[in-house]
Amino acid sequence: MGRAAGFVSVLLSTIPMRHCLGKAGCELRQVRGSRVLDFPGPVPEACETGLHPWSEPSYHPAMAKLYFHYSTMNAGKSTVLLQASHNYRERGMDTYLLTARFDNRAGEGRIASRIGIGEHADTFDDCDDLFQKIEARQARGDFACVFIDEAQFLSEEQVWQLARAVDDLRVPVMCYGLRVDFQGKLFPGSAALLALADEMREVRTICHCGKKATMVVRQGQDGHALREGAQVHIGGNETYVSLCRRHWREAMGGP
């Protein structure tokens, strides 16, 4: 049976058991039939030592990591985040969702996808200490993973706080965000994540020419690409268009 890259196969069984695959990663196995599920994200309680008993709902990750899922606009980052969180919850493991406070296109404290799915989320701004926020949420109840949408809006200090949460609180943190802005420059949060993340994964979309889109342009009311402006400007399909590098250069007039 084929496997999508970066996904982990989970075999449901009557005897809860965890099977380690060594360098290839770990695989959570429970024998309750023959149904095979695939889900993205860090593997619960990954280990390096073989088979281990597993009991729900307690969760004690042995190898938590900081993940950065990056892309350009309209690639489906929020969809992937929501699906990954759903898969954890479907297995009886709670998750903690966070999104940028000022991005309220889907409503206050809500992560939503263009395909119509959404979930309530806690919010952050540049004044929040995310280590303290995660620690306080842990004190209210165990959860398996932290999911952060709009991660490009994190500050460098906040990315370090997330790294501390991974290392000291031993909880996986999965960040989803843009890599570069409309001028082709890294966001501060994305730059810090590229430097500090344990694993990075690209969420892909395509340019109108069919090539992979890696850049984005911001359009004015006349439909032409803007070359100047604030780095942060909230908008959707009416404002941003994802392009390959070649067509981004053409739209921006160089270099």
C-alpha atoms as a PDB file:
ATOM      1  CA  MET A   1       0.000   0.000   0.000  1.00  0.00           C
ATOM      2  CA  GLY A   2       1.418   3.395  -0.961  1.00  0.00           C
ATOM      3  CA  ARG A   3       2.226   6.005   1.637  1.00  0.00           C
ATOM      4  CA  ALA A   4       2.212   9.802   1.208  1.00  0.00           C
ATOM      5  CA  ALA A   5       5.554  11.370   2.095  1.00  0.00           C
ATOM      6  CA  GLY A   6       5.707  12.639   5.648  1.00  0.00           C
ATOM      7  CA  PHE A   7       2.667  10.639   6.750  1.00  0.00           C
ATOM      8  CA  VAL A   8       2.628   7.892   9.348  1.00  0.00           C
ATOM      9  CA  SER A   9       0.564   4.750   8.968  1.00  0.00           C
ATOM     10  CA  VAL A  10      -1.478   3.754  11.988  1.00  0.00           C
ATOM     11  CA  LEU A  11      -2.777   0.192  12.204  1.00  0.00           C
ATOM     12  CA  LEU A  12      -5.715  -0.194  14.601  1.00  0.00           C
ATOM     13  CA  SER A  13      -5.539  -3.324  16.775  1.00  0.00           C
ATOM     14  CA  THR A  14      -6.968  -4.909  19.929  1.00  0.00           C
ATOM     15  CA  ILE A  15      -3.650  -4.737  21.796  1.00  0.00           C
ATOM     16  CA  PRO A  16      -2.450  -1.124  22.095  1.00  0.00           C
ATOM     17  CA  MET A  17       1.226  -1.157  21.222  1.00  0.00           C
ATOM     18  CA  ARG A  18       3.819   1.232  19.837  1.00  0.00           C
ATOM     19  CA  HIS A  19       6.330   0.026  17.260  1.00  0.00           C
ATOM     20  CA  CYS A  20       9.532   1.947  16.614  1.00  0.00           C
ATOM     21  CA  LEU A  21      10.992   2.070  13.122  1.00  0.00           C
ATOM     22  CA  GLY A  22      14.362   3.470  14.173  1.00  0.00           C
ATOM     23  CA  LYS A  23      15.772   6.188  11.925  1.00  0.00           C
ATOM     24  CA  ALA A  24      12.729   6.049   9.667  1.00  0.00           C
ATOM     25  CA  GLY A  25      10.547   7.337  12.535  1.00  0.00           C
ATOM     26  CA  CYS A  26       8.060   5.720  14.859  1.00  0.00           C
ATOM     27  CA  GLU A  27       4.717   4.156  14.119  1.00  0.00           C
ATOM     28  CA  LEU A  28       1.822   3.902  16.554  1.00  0.00           C
ATOM     29  CA  ARG A  29       0.072   0.537  16.262  1.00  0.00           C
ATOM     30  CA  GLN A  30      -3.170  -0.673  17.817  1.00  0.00           C
ATOM     31  CA  VAL A  31      -4.642  -3.954  16.604  1.00  0.00           C
ATOM     32  CA  ARG A  32      -8.464  -3.660  16.435  1.00  0.00           C
ATOM     33  CA  GLY A  33      -9.023  -4.912  12.921  1.00  0.00           C
ATOM     34  CA  SER A  34      -7.257  -4.311   9.653  1.00  0.00           C
ATOM     35  CA  ARG A  35      -8.104  -0.684   8.899  1.00  0.00           C
ATOM     36  CA  VAL A  36      -5.076   1.478   8.095  1.00  0.00           C
ATOM     37  CA  LEU A  37      -5.122   5.225   8.653  1.00  0.00           C
ATOM     38  CA  ASP A  38      -2.608   7.863   7.546  1.00  0.00           C
ATOM     39  CA  PHE A  39      -2.139  11.088   9.397  1.00  0.00           C
ATOM     40  CA  PRO A  40       0.356  13.965   9.149  1.00  0.00           C
ATOM     41  CA  GLY A  41       2.332  15.300  12.035  1.00  0.00           C
ATOM     42  CA  PRO A  42       4.682  14.236  14.795  1.00  0.00           C
ATOM     43  CA  VAL A  43       4.188  10.692  15.988  1.00  0.00           C
ATOM     44  CA  PRO A  44       2.815  10.375  19.531  1.00  0.00           C
ATOM     45  CA  GLU A  45       5.460   9.236  22.001  1.00  0.00           C
ATOM     46  CA  ALA A  46       8.104   8.488  19.376  1.00  0.00           C
ATOM     47  CA  CYS A  47      10.952   6.369  20.719  1.00  0.00           C
ATOM     48  CA  GLU A  48      14.045   4.492  19.691  1.00  0.00           C
ATOM     49  CA  THR A  49      13.730   1.304  21.690  1.00  0.00           C
ATOM     50  CA  GLY A  50      11.121  -0.946  20.057  1.00  0.00           C
ATOM     51  CA  LEU A  51       7.673  -2.011  21.245  1.00  0.00           C
ATOM     52  CA  HIS A  52       6.088  -0.244  24.208  1.00  0.00           C
ATOM     53  CA  PRO A  53       2.690  -0.466  25.917  1.00  0.00           C
ATOM     54  CA  TRP A  54       0.437   2.519  25.249  1.00  0.00           C
ATOM     55  CA  SER A  55      -2.498   3.688  27.339  1.00  0.00           C
ATOM     56  CA  GLU A  56      -5.000   6.467  26.668  1.00  0.00           C
ATOM     57  CA  PRO A  57      -5.533   9.274  27.359  1.00  0.00           C
ATOM     58  CA  SER A  58      -2.196  10.120  28.999  1.00  0.00           C
ATOM     59  CA  TYR A  59       0.440  11.490  26.638  1.00  0.00           C
ATOM     60  CA  HIS A  60       4.144  11.690  27.430  1.00  0.00           C
ATOM     61  CA  PRO A  61       6.170  12.437  24.271  1.00  0.00           C
ATOM     62  CA  ALA A  62       9.746  11.238  24.395  1.00  0.00           C
ATOM     63  CA  MET A  63      10.937  13.070  21.280  1.00  0.00           C
ATOM     64  CA  ALA A  64       8.912  16.266  20.880  1.00  0.00           C
ATOM     65  CA  LYS A  65       9.988  18.493  17.983  1.00  0.00           C
ATOM     66  CA  LEU A  66       9.409  21.964  16.587  1.00  0.00           C
ATOM     67  CA  TYR A  67       7.963  21.711  13.069  1.00  0.00           C
ATOM     68  CA  PHE A  68       7.582  24.420  10.429  1.00  0.00           C
ATOM     69  CA  HIS A  69       5.129  23.808   7.576  1.00  0.00           C
ATOM     70  CA  TYR A  70       5.671  26.664   5.132  1.00  0.00           C
ATOM     71  CA  SER A  71       4.325  27.727   1.774  1.00  0.00           C
ATOM     72  CA  THR A  72       3.086  30.672  -0.219  1.00  0.00           C
ATOM     73  CA  MET A  73      -0.513  31.978  -0.083  1.00  0.00           C
ATOM     74  CA  ASN A  74      -3.550  29.779  -0.686  1.00  0.00           C
ATOM     75  CA  ALA A  75      -1.686  26.480  -0.543  1.00  0.00           C
ATOM     76  CA  GLY A  76      -4.004  24.916   2.043  1.00  0.00           C
ATOM     77  CA  LYS A  77      -1.888  25.329   5.194  1.00  0.00           C
ATOM     78  CA  SER A  78      -4.916  25.803   7.442  1.00  0.00           C
ATOM     79  CA  THR A  79      -6.616  22.787   5.878  1.00  0.00           C
ATOM     80  CA  VAL A  80      -3.583  20.613   6.644  1.00  0.00           C
ATOM     81  CA  LEU A  81      -3.435  21.980  10.209  1.00  0.00           C
ATOM     82  CA  LEU A  82      -7.105  21.303  10.888  1.00  0.00           C
ATOM     83  CA  GLN A  83      -6.901  17.792   9.424  1.00  0.00           C
ATOM     84  CA  ALA A  84      -3.853  16.953  11.538  1.00  0.00           C
ATOM     85  CA  SER A  85      -5.539  18.243  14.704  1.00  0.00           C
ATOM     86  CA  HIS A  86      -8.686  16.258  13.871  1.00  0.00           C
ATOM     87  CA  ASN A  87      -6.662  13.076  13.460  1.00  0.00           C
ATOM     88  CA  TYR A  88      -5.147  13.485  16.922  1.00  0.00           C
ATOM     89  CA  ARG A  89      -8.557  14.100  18.489  1.00  0.00           C
ATOM     90  CA  GLU A  90     -10.054  11.151  16.640  1.00  0.00           C
ATOM     91  CA  ARG A  91      -7.475   8.960  18.421  1.00  0.00           C
ATOM     92  CA  GLY A  92      -8.480  10.376  21.825  1.00  0.00           C
ATOM     93  CA  MET A  93      -5.622  12.890  22.088  1.00  0.00           C
ATOM     94  CA  ASP A  94      -6.442  16.556  22.673  1.00  0.00           C
ATOM     95  CA  THR A  95      -4.672  19.404  20.860  1.00  0.00           C
ATOM     96  CA  TYR A  96      -4.055  23.094  21.554  1.00  0.00           C
ATOM     97  CA  LEU A  97      -4.695  25.477  18.642  1.00  0.00           C
ATOM     98  CA  LEU A  98      -3.336  29.031  18.364  1.00  0.00           C
ATOM     99  CA  THR A  99      -3.667  31.730  15.714  1.00  0.00           C
ATOM    100  CA  ALA A 100      -2.719  35.386  15.315  1.00  0.00           C
ATOM    101  CA  ARG A 101      -5.157  37.656  17.167  1.00  0.00           C
ATOM    102  CA  PHE A 102      -5.373  40.377  14.512  1.00  0.00           C
ATOM    103  CA  ASP A 103      -6.176  37.971  11.654  1.00  0.00           C
ATOM    104  CA  ASN A 104      -9.921  37.781  12.252  1.00  0.00           C
ATOM    105  CA  ARG A 105     -11.085  37.076   8.705  1.00  0.00           C
ATOM    106  CA  ALA A 106     -12.777  33.885   9.962  1.00  0.00           C
ATOM    107  CA  GLY A 107     -13.933  35.483  13.210  1.00  0.00           C
ATOM    108  CA  GLU A 108     -12.231  36.159  16.528  1.00  0.00           C
ATOM    109  CA  GLY A 109     -10.161  33.208  17.717  1.00  0.00           C
ATOM    110  CA  ARG A 110     -10.937  30.884  14.824  1.00  0.00           C
ATOM    111  CA  ILE A 111      -8.822  28.953  12.311  1.00  0.00           C
ATOM    112  CA  ALA A 112     -10.699  28.417   9.064  1.00  0.00           C
ATOM    113  CA  SER A 113      -9.910  26.929   5.667  1.00  0.00           C
ATOM    114  CA  ARG A 114     -10.987  28.095   2.230  1.00  0.00           C
ATOM    115  CA  ILE A 115     -12.781  24.754   1.771  1.00  0.00           C
ATOM    116  CA  GLY A 116     -15.169  25.576   4.613  1.00  0.00           C
ATOM    117  CA  ILE A 117     -13.857  23.798   7.716  1.00  0.00           C
ATOM    118  CA  GLY A 118     -12.831  25.583  10.893  1.00  0.00           C
ATOM    119  CA  GLU A 119     -12.067  25.269  14.602  1.00  0.00           C
ATOM    120  CA  HIS A 120     -11.975  27.539  17.642  1.00  0.00           C
ATOM    121  CA  ALA A 121      -8.448  28.549  18.653  1.00  0.00           C
ATOM    122  CA  ASP A 122      -6.686  30.530  21.331  1.00  0.00           C
ATOM    123  CA  THR A 123      -4.975  33.683  20.023  1.00  0.00           C
ATOM    124  CA  PHE A 124      -1.591  35.361  20.356  1.00  0.00           C
ATOM    125  CA  ASP A 125      -0.096  38.757  19.640  1.00  0.00           C
ATOM    126  CA  ASP A 126       3.462  40.039  19.863  1.00  0.00           C
ATOM    127  CA  CYS A 127       3.123  40.717  23.604  1.00  0.00           C
ATOM    128  CA  ASP A 128       2.325  37.124  24.594  1.00  0.00           C
ATOM    129  CA  ASP A 129       4.837  34.740  26.131  1.00  0.00           C
ATOM    130  CA  LEU A 130       3.991  31.514  24.310  1.00  0.00           C
ATOM    131  CA  PHE A 131       5.980  29.324  26.690  1.00  0.00           C
ATOM    132  CA  GLN A 132       3.819  30.577  29.565  1.00  0.00           C
ATOM    133  CA  LYS A 133       0.682  30.210  27.460  1.00  0.00           C
ATOM    134  CA  ILE A 134       1.441  26.576  26.642  1.00  0.00           C
ATOM    135  CA  GLU A 135       2.506  25.827  30.225  1.00  0.00           C
ATOM    136  CA  ALA A 136      -0.763  27.296  31.552  1.00  0.00           C
ATOM    137  CA  ARG A 137      -2.778  25.232  29.063  1.00  0.00           C
ATOM    138  CA  GLN A 138      -0.924  22.078  30.158  1.00  0.00           C
ATOM    139  CA  ALA A 139      -1.868  22.829  33.771  1.00  0.00           C
ATOM    140  CA  ARG A 140      -5.553  22.723  32.756  1.00  0.00           C
ATOM    141  CA  GLY A 141      -5.259  19.319  31.093  1.00  0.00           C
ATOM    142  CA  ASP A 142      -3.006  17.082  29.051  1.00  0.00           C
ATOM    143  CA  PHE A 143      -2.778  17.505  25.283  1.00  0.00           C
ATOM    144  CA  ALA A 144      -0.751  15.850  22.549  1.00  0.00           C
ATOM    145  CA  CYS A 145       0.362  18.686  20.298  1.00  0.00           C
ATOM    146  CA  VAL A 146       0.342  22.461  19.797  1.00  0.00           C
ATOM    147  CA  PHE A 147      -0.778  23.751  16.383  1.00  0.00           C
ATOM    148  CA  ILE A 148      -0.009  27.365  15.408  1.00  0.00           C
ATOM    149  CA  ASP A 149      -1.565  29.011  12.349  1.00  0.00           C
ATOM    150  CA  GLU A 150      -0.216  32.217  10.751  1.00  0.00           C
ATOM    151  CA  ALA A 151       3.216  31.460  12.223  1.00  0.00           C
ATOM    152  CA  GLN A 152       4.873  34.114  10.046  1.00  0.00           C
ATOM    153  CA  PHE A 153       3.495  36.675  12.514  1.00  0.00           C
ATOM    154  CA  LEU A 154       5.486  35.253  15.423  1.00  0.00           C
ATOM    155  CA  SER A 155       8.392  37.308  16.727  1.00  0.00           C
ATOM    156  CA  GLU A 156      11.865  35.810  16.938  1.00  0.00           C
ATOM    157  CA  GLU A 157      11.530  35.793  20.734  1.00  0.00           C
ATOM    158  CA  GLN A 158       8.273  33.870  20.495  1.00  0.00           C
ATOM    159  CA  VAL A 159       9.857  31.226  18.274  1.00  0.00           C
ATOM    160  CA  TRP A 160      12.502  30.752  20.967  1.00  0.00           C
ATOM    161  CA  GLN A 161       9.662  30.413  23.484  1.00  0.00           C
ATOM    162  CA  LEU A 162       8.156  27.645  21.350  1.00  0.00           C
ATOM    163  CA  ALA A 163      11.537  25.926  21.169  1.00  0.00           C
ATOM    164  CA  ARG A 164      11.709  26.047  24.976  1.00  0.00           C
ATOM    165  CA  ALA A 165       8.226  24.522  25.194  1.00  0.00           C
ATOM    166  CA  VAL A 166       9.364  21.641  22.985  1.00  0.00           C
ATOM    167  CA  ASP A 167      12.566  21.088  24.968  1.00  0.00           C
ATOM    168  CA  ASP A 168      11.360  21.729  28.522  1.00  0.00           C
ATOM    169  CA  LEU A 169       7.637  20.897  28.431  1.00  0.00           C
ATOM    170  CA  ARG A 170       8.216  18.050  25.961  1.00  0.00           C
ATOM    171  CA  VAL A 171       5.266  18.869  23.738  1.00  0.00           C
ATOM    172  CA  PRO A 172       5.404  18.836  19.917  1.00  0.00           C
ATOM    173  CA  VAL A 173       4.735  22.234  18.314  1.00  0.00           C
ATOM    174  CA  MET A 174       3.619  22.423  14.679  1.00  0.00           C
ATOM    175  CA  CYS A 175       3.759  25.856  13.034  1.00  0.00           C
ATOM    176  CA  TYR A 176       2.091  26.711   9.728  1.00  0.00           C
ATOM    177  CA  GLY A 177       2.867  29.920   7.897  1.00  0.00           C
ATOM    178  CA  LEU A 178       4.145  31.862   4.916  1.00  0.00           C
ATOM    179  CA  ARG A 179       7.836  31.792   4.113  1.00  0.00           C
ATOM    180  CA  VAL A 180       8.197  35.140   2.302  1.00  0.00           C
ATOM    181  CA  ASP A 181       6.140  38.306   1.830  1.00  0.00           C
ATOM    182  CA  PHE A 182       5.017  39.964  -1.421  1.00  0.00           C
ATOM    183  CA  GLN A 183       8.468  41.532  -1.850  1.00  0.00           C
ATOM    184  CA  GLY A 184      10.222  38.170  -1.572  1.00  0.00           C
ATOM    185  CA  LYS A 185      11.540  38.880   1.929  1.00  0.00           C
ATOM    186  CA  LEU A 186      11.359  36.512   4.885  1.00  0.00           C
ATOM    187  CA  PHE A 187       8.897  37.276   7.668  1.00  0.00           C
ATOM    188  CA  PRO A 188      10.666  37.559  11.047  1.00  0.00           C
ATOM    189  CA  GLY A 189       8.763  34.581  12.442  1.00  0.00           C
ATOM    190  CA  SER A 190       9.490  32.476   9.389  1.00  0.00           C
ATOM    191  CA  ALA A 191      13.174  33.381   9.440  1.00  0.00           C
ATOM    192  CA  ALA A 192      13.420  32.302  13.081  1.00  0.00           C
ATOM    193  CA  LEU A 193      11.550  29.059  12.382  1.00  0.00           C
ATOM    194  CA  LEU A 194      13.818  28.252   9.435  1.00  0.00           C
ATOM    195  CA  ALA A 195      16.746  28.663  11.830  1.00  0.00           C
ATOM    196  CA  LEU A 196      15.330  26.801  14.847  1.00  0.00           C
ATOM    197  CA  ALA A 197      12.817  24.192  13.639  1.00  0.00           C
ATOM    198  CA  ASP A 198      13.766  20.538  14.024  1.00  0.00           C
ATOM    199  CA  GLU A 199      11.868  19.649  10.856  1.00  0.00           C
ATOM    200  CA  MET A 200      10.566  21.727   7.937  1.00  0.00           C
ATOM    201  CA  ARG A 201       7.967  20.677   5.389  1.00  0.00           C
ATOM    202  CA  GLU A 202       6.703  22.517   2.337  1.00  0.00           C
ATOM    203  CA  VAL A 203       2.969  22.740   1.644  1.00  0.00           C
ATOM    204  CA  ARG A 204       2.827  23.102  -2.118  1.00  0.00           C
ATOM    205  CA  THR A 205       0.603  24.936  -4.546  1.00  0.00           C
ATOM    206  CA  ILE A 206       1.030  25.867  -8.201  1.00  0.00           C
ATOM    207  CA  CYS A 207       1.486  28.941 -10.363  1.00  0.00           C
ATOM    208  CA  HIS A 208      -0.887  29.597 -13.285  1.00  0.00           C
ATOM    209  CA  CYS A 209       1.819  28.132 -15.556  1.00  0.00           C
ATOM    210  CA  GLY A 210       1.731  24.780 -13.747  1.00  0.00           C
ATOM    211  CA  LYS A 211       5.080  25.098 -11.973  1.00  0.00           C
ATOM    212  CA  LYS A 212       5.365  25.052  -8.186  1.00  0.00           C
ATOM    213  CA  ALA A 213       4.509  28.454  -6.710  1.00  0.00           C
ATOM    214  CA  THR A 214       7.082  29.731  -4.227  1.00  0.00           C
ATOM    215  CA  MET A 215       6.361  33.491  -4.287  1.00  0.00           C
ATOM    216  CA  VAL A 216       3.338  35.747  -3.855  1.00  0.00           C
ATOM    217  CA  VAL A 217       2.309  39.129  -5.250  1.00  0.00           C
ATOM    218  CA  ARG A 218      -0.005  41.653  -3.615  1.00  0.00           C
ATOM    219  CA  GLN A 219      -2.435  43.174  -6.088  1.00  0.00           C
ATOM    220  CA  GLY A 220      -3.794  46.695  -6.087  1.00  0.00           C
ATOM    221  CA  GLN A 221      -7.369  47.572  -6.996  1.00  0.00           C
ATOM    222  CA  ASP A 222      -6.329  47.760 -10.644  1.00  0.00           C
ATOM    223  CA  GLY A 223      -5.084  44.152 -10.543  1.00  0.00           C
ATOM    224  CA  HIS A 224      -1.412  45.080 -10.932  1.00  0.00           C
ATOM    225  CA  ALA A 225       1.295  43.879  -8.552  1.00  0.00           C
ATOM    226  CA  LEU A 226       2.266  46.312  -5.814  1.00  0.00           C
ATOM    227  CA  ARG A 227       5.981  46.839  -5.286  1.00  0.00           C
ATOM    228  CA  GLU A 228       5.806  48.789  -2.026  1.00  0.00           C
ATOM    229  CA  GLY A 229       3.760  48.697   1.151  1.00  0.00           C
ATOM    230  CA  ALA A 230       3.647  47.360   4.697  1.00  0.00           C
ATOM    231  CA  GLN A 231       4.838  43.793   5.113  1.00  0.00           C
ATOM    232  CA  VAL A 232       1.639  42.799   6.928  1.00  0.00           C
ATOM    233  CA  HIS A 233      -1.648  43.351   5.134  1.00  0.00           C
ATOM    234  CA  ILE A 234      -4.460  40.885   5.796  1.00  0.00           C
ATOM    235  CA  GLY A 235      -6.171  39.625   2.661  1.00  0.00           C
ATOM    236  CA  GLY A 236      -7.170  36.596   0.640  1.00  0.00           C
ATOM    237  CA  ASN A 237      -7.624  35.667  -3.003  1.00  0.00           C
ATOM    238  CA  GLU A 238      -8.764  39.185  -3.840  1.00  0.00           C
ATOM    239  CA  THR A 239      -5.401  40.555  -2.687  1.00  0.00           C
ATOM    240  CA  TYR A 240      -2.725  37.890  -3.140  1.00  0.00           C
ATOM    241  CA  VAL A 241      -1.734  35.622  -6.019  1.00  0.00           C
ATOM    242  CA  SER A 242       0.823  32.813  -5.714  1.00  0.00           C
ATOM    243  CA  LEU A 243       3.364  32.537  -8.535  1.00  0.00           C
ATOM    244  CA  CYS A 244       6.522  30.678  -9.492  1.00  0.00           C
ATOM    245  CA  ARG A 245       9.731  32.712  -9.239  1.00  0.00           C
ATOM    246  CA  ARG A 246       9.849  33.486 -12.960  1.00  0.00           C
ATOM    247  CA  HIS A 247       6.332  34.913 -13.101  1.00  0.00           C
ATOM    248  CA  TRP A 248       6.834  36.762  -9.812  1.00  0.00           C
ATOM    249  CA  ARG A 249       9.871  38.475 -11.359  1.00  0.00           C
ATOM    250  CA  GLU A 250       7.842  39.404 -14.411  1.00  0.00           C
ATOM    251  CA  ALA A 251       4.982  40.780 -12.282  1.00  0.00           C
ATOM    252  CA  MET A 252       7.352  42.765 -10.050  1.00  0.00           C
ATOM    253  CA  GLY A 253       9.502  44.056 -12.912  1.00  0.00           C
ATOM    254  CA  GLY A 254      12.715  42.303 -11.901  1.00  0.00           C
ATOM    255  CA  PRO A 255      15.269  41.620 -10.665  1.00  0.00           C
END
